[in-house]
Protein backbone atom coordinates (compact mmCIF):
# COMPACT_ATOMS: atom_id res chain seq x y z
CA MET A 1 54.43 -177.34 -54.35
CA LYS A 2 51.97 -177.27 -51.52
CA ARG A 3 51.58 -173.91 -49.67
CA GLY A 4 50.57 -173.03 -46.01
CA LYS A 5 47.46 -171.36 -45.22
CA LYS A 6 49.41 -168.20 -43.91
CA TYR A 7 51.20 -168.24 -47.74
CA VAL A 8 47.75 -168.83 -49.33
CA ALA A 9 46.28 -165.86 -47.28
CA ALA A 10 49.09 -163.72 -48.23
CA VAL A 11 48.99 -164.11 -51.88
CA ALA A 12 45.18 -163.39 -51.59
CA THR A 13 45.76 -159.79 -50.42
CA TYR A 14 47.28 -158.45 -53.62
CA ASP A 15 47.41 -158.81 -57.57
CA LYS A 16 50.41 -161.13 -58.37
CA SER A 17 50.25 -160.07 -62.04
CA VAL A 18 50.70 -156.31 -61.04
CA ALA A 19 54.02 -154.65 -61.07
CA TYR A 20 53.90 -152.44 -58.28
CA ASP A 21 55.62 -149.04 -57.48
CA PRO A 22 58.42 -149.76 -54.81
CA ALA A 23 56.84 -147.96 -52.00
CA GLU A 24 53.50 -150.09 -52.48
CA ALA A 25 55.60 -153.30 -52.97
CA ILE A 26 57.45 -152.60 -49.56
CA ALA A 27 54.34 -152.02 -47.82
CA GLN A 28 52.70 -155.07 -49.17
CA VAL A 29 55.86 -157.26 -48.25
CA LYS A 30 55.92 -156.16 -44.76
CA LYS A 31 52.10 -157.19 -44.74
CA ASN A 32 53.25 -160.54 -46.14
CA ALA A 33 55.92 -161.34 -43.37
CA THR A 34 53.46 -163.15 -40.89
CA ALA A 35 55.95 -165.87 -39.65
CA LYS A 36 56.56 -165.62 -35.70
CA PHE A 37 60.19 -164.46 -36.04
CA ASP A 38 61.53 -161.20 -37.68
CA GLU A 39 61.66 -162.30 -41.10
CA THR A 40 64.57 -160.96 -43.66
CA ILE A 41 63.18 -159.08 -46.84
CA GLU A 42 65.11 -160.13 -49.97
CA ALA A 43 65.36 -158.42 -53.42
CA HIS A 44 65.61 -160.84 -56.16
CA ILE A 45 66.81 -159.08 -59.21
CA ARG A 46 66.82 -161.05 -62.72
CA THR A 47 69.41 -159.52 -65.18
CA GLY A 48 70.02 -159.64 -68.89
CA CYS A 49 73.68 -160.41 -68.60
CA ASP A 50 75.22 -163.70 -69.41
CA GLY A 51 77.60 -164.59 -66.54
CA ARG A 52 79.58 -166.99 -68.40
CA HIS A 53 81.17 -163.99 -70.08
CA ALA A 54 83.62 -162.51 -67.75
CA GLU A 55 82.84 -158.83 -68.87
CA GLN A 56 79.20 -159.32 -67.99
CA GLN A 57 79.82 -160.76 -64.60
CA ILE A 58 78.46 -158.50 -61.81
CA ARG A 59 80.11 -158.55 -58.38
CA GLY A 60 80.37 -155.69 -55.81
CA ALA A 61 79.44 -154.73 -52.26
CA VAL A 62 77.23 -151.72 -51.09
CA VAL A 63 76.71 -150.50 -47.44
CA LEU A 64 72.95 -150.28 -46.64
CA PRO A 65 72.11 -147.08 -44.65
CA HIS A 66 70.23 -148.99 -41.93
CA GLY A 67 72.24 -152.22 -42.21
CA THR A 68 70.72 -155.63 -42.47
CA GLY A 69 69.33 -156.25 -39.06
CA LYS A 70 71.55 -159.10 -38.46
CA SER A 71 74.62 -159.08 -36.36
CA VAL A 72 77.37 -160.36 -38.53
CA ARG A 73 80.33 -162.48 -37.25
CA VAL A 74 83.85 -161.40 -39.03
CA LEU A 75 86.78 -163.44 -39.44
CA VAL A 76 89.81 -161.59 -40.25
CA PHE A 77 93.11 -163.32 -41.97
CA ALA A 78 96.33 -160.89 -41.21
CA LYS A 79 99.68 -160.70 -39.92
CA GLY A 80 101.35 -158.38 -37.18
CA THR A 81 99.70 -154.92 -36.57
CA LYS A 82 96.82 -155.83 -38.94
CA LEU A 83 95.53 -158.30 -36.55
CA ASP A 84 95.34 -155.86 -33.61
CA GLU A 85 93.68 -153.32 -36.10
CA ALA A 86 90.89 -156.02 -36.96
CA GLN A 87 90.46 -156.46 -33.41
CA ALA A 88 90.18 -152.92 -32.52
CA ALA A 89 87.58 -152.29 -35.14
CA GLY A 90 85.55 -155.16 -33.91
CA ALA A 91 86.49 -158.43 -35.68
CA ASP A 92 85.05 -161.48 -33.91
CA PHE A 93 87.83 -163.73 -34.89
CA VAL A 94 91.53 -162.87 -35.96
CA GLY A 95 94.47 -165.05 -37.03
CA GLY A 96 96.48 -166.61 -39.66
CA GLU A 97 97.76 -170.08 -41.02
CA GLU A 98 96.79 -171.50 -37.60
CA LEU A 99 93.23 -171.13 -38.33
CA ILE A 100 93.39 -173.33 -41.51
CA PRO A 101 93.06 -176.88 -40.05
CA LYS A 102 90.36 -175.66 -37.67
CA ILE A 103 88.43 -174.74 -40.70
CA GLN A 104 89.39 -177.51 -43.16
CA ASN A 105 89.53 -180.41 -40.81
CA GLU A 106 87.55 -179.49 -37.94
CA GLY A 107 84.62 -177.77 -39.84
CA TRP A 108 84.87 -174.68 -37.69
CA ASN A 109 82.42 -172.22 -39.49
CA GLU A 110 81.19 -169.97 -36.59
CA PHE A 111 81.56 -166.82 -39.00
CA ASP A 112 79.37 -164.96 -41.59
CA ALA A 113 82.14 -162.74 -43.33
CA VAL A 114 85.70 -163.18 -44.12
CA VAL A 115 88.38 -160.28 -44.60
CA ALA A 116 91.91 -160.94 -45.71
CA THR A 117 95.04 -158.97 -46.26
CA PRO A 118 96.48 -159.52 -49.67
CA ASP A 119 99.70 -161.21 -48.23
CA MET A 120 97.35 -163.78 -46.68
CA MET A 121 95.57 -164.71 -49.88
CA GLY A 122 98.15 -167.47 -50.43
CA VAL A 123 96.92 -169.06 -47.13
CA VAL A 124 93.44 -168.49 -47.39
CA GLY A 125 93.12 -169.67 -50.99
CA ARG A 126 93.61 -173.52 -49.32
CA LEU A 127 90.20 -172.76 -48.13
CA GLY A 128 88.53 -172.38 -51.67
CA ARG A 129 86.40 -175.35 -51.42
CA VAL A 130 84.91 -174.64 -48.08
CA LEU A 131 84.52 -170.93 -48.24
CA GLY A 132 83.57 -170.67 -52.20
CA PRO A 133 80.33 -172.74 -51.92
CA ARG A 134 79.29 -170.42 -48.87
CA GLY A 135 80.34 -167.20 -50.84
CA LEU A 136 82.73 -166.39 -48.21
CA MET A 137 85.99 -166.28 -50.22
CA PRO A 138 87.72 -162.86 -49.68
CA ASN A 139 87.44 -160.98 -53.02
CA PRO A 140 88.85 -157.77 -54.01
CA LYS A 141 85.77 -156.21 -55.84
CA ALA A 142 83.65 -156.80 -52.52
CA GLY A 143 86.45 -154.95 -50.60
CA THR A 144 87.37 -157.98 -48.52
CA VAL A 145 90.98 -158.48 -49.81
CA THR A 146 92.53 -155.25 -48.41
CA MET A 147 95.20 -153.70 -46.24
CA ASP A 148 92.67 -151.46 -44.70
CA VAL A 149 91.03 -154.25 -42.49
CA ALA A 150 89.78 -151.93 -40.04
CA LYS A 151 87.54 -150.22 -42.49
CA ALA A 152 86.47 -153.60 -44.13
CA VAL A 153 85.49 -154.84 -40.45
CA GLU A 154 83.61 -151.51 -39.79
CA GLU A 155 81.49 -151.54 -43.21
CA ILE A 156 80.44 -155.14 -42.71
CA LYS A 157 79.42 -154.63 -39.03
CA ALA A 158 77.48 -151.63 -40.25
CA GLY A 159 75.50 -153.37 -43.07
CA LYS A 160 77.48 -154.00 -46.05
CA ILE A 161 76.42 -156.73 -48.27
CA GLU A 162 77.88 -158.28 -51.27
CA TYR A 163 75.65 -158.64 -54.64
CA ARG A 164 76.73 -161.01 -57.33
CA LEU A 165 75.17 -162.98 -60.14
CA ASP A 166 74.04 -166.69 -59.44
CA LYS A 167 74.14 -169.32 -62.05
CA THR A 168 70.90 -168.26 -63.53
CA ASN A 169 71.87 -164.32 -63.76
CA ILE A 170 69.72 -163.33 -60.96
CA ILE A 171 70.98 -161.57 -57.72
CA HIS A 172 69.66 -162.33 -54.33
CA VAL A 173 70.21 -159.72 -51.29
CA PRO A 174 68.70 -159.08 -48.26
CA ILE A 175 67.61 -155.24 -47.88
CA GLY A 176 66.62 -155.44 -43.97
CA LYS A 177 64.17 -157.12 -41.70
CA ALA A 178 60.32 -157.21 -41.75
CA SER A 179 60.66 -155.17 -38.32
CA PHE A 180 62.25 -152.27 -40.33
CA SER A 181 60.09 -149.22 -41.04
CA GLU A 182 58.91 -148.71 -44.69
CA GLU A 183 61.41 -145.93 -45.03
CA GLN A 184 64.24 -147.89 -43.78
CA LEU A 185 63.44 -150.48 -46.20
CA ALA A 186 62.99 -147.97 -49.16
CA ASP A 187 66.47 -146.38 -48.40
CA ASN A 188 68.18 -149.76 -48.29
CA PHE A 189 66.51 -150.82 -51.46
CA GLN A 190 67.32 -147.51 -53.35
CA THR A 191 70.91 -147.61 -52.30
CA LEU A 192 71.33 -151.24 -53.52
CA MET A 193 69.69 -150.28 -56.88
CA ASP A 194 72.03 -147.55 -57.13
CA ALA A 195 74.84 -149.63 -56.84
CA ILE A 196 73.62 -152.24 -59.27
CA ASN A 197 72.56 -149.68 -62.04
CA LYS A 198 76.12 -148.17 -61.72
CA ALA A 199 77.61 -151.63 -61.91
CA LYS A 200 75.83 -152.35 -65.45
CA PRO A 201 78.44 -153.79 -67.88
CA SER A 202 79.38 -151.81 -70.82
CA SER A 203 79.37 -154.63 -73.20
CA LEU A 204 75.69 -155.41 -72.48
CA LYS A 205 73.26 -155.35 -75.07
CA GLY A 206 69.69 -155.19 -74.61
CA GLN A 207 67.67 -154.79 -71.11
CA TYR A 208 69.86 -154.82 -68.12
CA ILE A 209 67.29 -155.33 -65.33
CA LYS A 210 64.59 -157.98 -66.48
CA SER A 211 62.42 -158.00 -63.22
CA ILE A 212 62.66 -157.52 -59.62
CA SER A 213 60.79 -159.07 -56.69
CA LEU A 214 60.65 -158.48 -53.03
CA ALA A 215 59.84 -161.23 -50.71
CA PRO A 216 59.95 -162.06 -47.09
CA THR A 217 61.55 -165.47 -45.91
CA MET A 218 58.57 -167.41 -45.40
CA GLY A 219 56.05 -165.37 -47.59
CA PRO A 220 55.21 -164.67 -51.28
CA GLY A 221 57.00 -162.23 -53.58
CA VAL A 222 55.80 -158.98 -54.83
CA LYS A 223 56.87 -157.73 -58.40
CA LEU A 224 58.18 -154.41 -58.97
CA ASN A 225 57.84 -152.15 -61.85
CA VAL A 226 61.33 -152.12 -63.05
CA ALA A 227 60.99 -148.80 -64.82
CA LYS A 228 60.54 -147.08 -61.60
CA VAL A 229 64.02 -148.30 -60.19
CA SER A 230 66.12 -148.49 -63.27
CA ASN A 231 68.39 -145.81 -64.73
């Protein structure tokens, strides 16, 4: 794959074979973010889990102390007073069954997170083929299937992110923007790693966290010293 001049120049500023301490890695990743827009900084965490086994699936959510730097549009499926609660908490869109054809047939997708009360999941389940591939299907483990819709909306707006294994047993999550200070990125990264370390499956044999890298949207990744961030 041919890389651009900026990417090649960024790679030349550090040693790709070295696993850096978190603070050094964050400083380097900020330097690598040279695009004309505010790049997202992502963590890529390769685990020793086998997601084919239900007991080794990792899925959860955590509120990053400094948010993600992105404004999130929240859609809430609910009934009655829960609709009012969601709206008061800052939900961008609220509704019930009437939204299904708009999403299913008209292709409406102007939302980044979906919350539903448990009594609405029979309805929301019909959107599995649409929401599933986008990672937007409400899930109790992520706190997005709940009667406390106000809390769910407030947490998402405050910077709650969901983490889960992909098909290759890697977790990909944003930890902030290149415009964040090194301290803010470090706080967010540590909060994420604390949550992932706590989520270690009890049935797992062998190494849990195999490798971690941080990378900006358009730049190269920097490897971290796993021993410095794993429990």
